[in-house]
Amino acid sequence: MTVKQSNRWSLRLIILVGVFASLVTIATSIRIPLPALVGSPFVHFGSSVFLLATLLLGFVPGALVGSLGFAIFDILNGYATEAPYFVLESFIVAGLAMAVFTLFKPNKYNYIMAIITGALAKIIMTFFKNLVMSLWLGTTLDVAVASSFGTLYITGINAIISVIFVSIMYPILKNIIKKR
């Protein structure tokens, strides 16, 4: 049940938000560190679980899944200063993915367009976040742009993983989640 189907959140929906938020935290914790010019990035499945939850539960519950899951991960792993950014990012990515999911004529494959939109939104937001952070640290615009592009390969890898993972899992889980 999504928020659109009811004005109230059912206990089941609240539990699903909690379960998926926990899965986002766990999936983000299982990471493969990669070298980069800015920060300490890593490949993980957290974004994949977040996008999957967004498509299964809807915009607001999905955005809350991402917000809670990524914030808990950030706080537990020394990235607490980045938690507010990931709350904002979760709402923007979930909003864009669900807009594409609901605006296109519902068909068998519209979820793939939504997944790709979410992945592209994540890449764009990461670029601008890294750009702002580099400028904040005192680099010139040229250096900030170059370093931001230099770290996008990590987000690109995460985006590709998300597209593949969610494309496989969504058709399987949508019937299970909707059935009960």
Foldseek 3Di string as FASTA:
>chain_A
DACVVDVDDDPLLVVLLVVLLQVLQVQVVPWAWDDAPDDTDTATCSVLSLLLCLVQHHQPSSLSSQLNNVCVNCVVPVNNVCSVVRSVLSNVLSVQLVCQCPVPDDDDPSNLVSLLSSLVSQLVSQLVVQLVVVVVVPDDNVVSNVRSVRPSVSSVVNSVVSSVSSVVVNVVCNCVSVVD
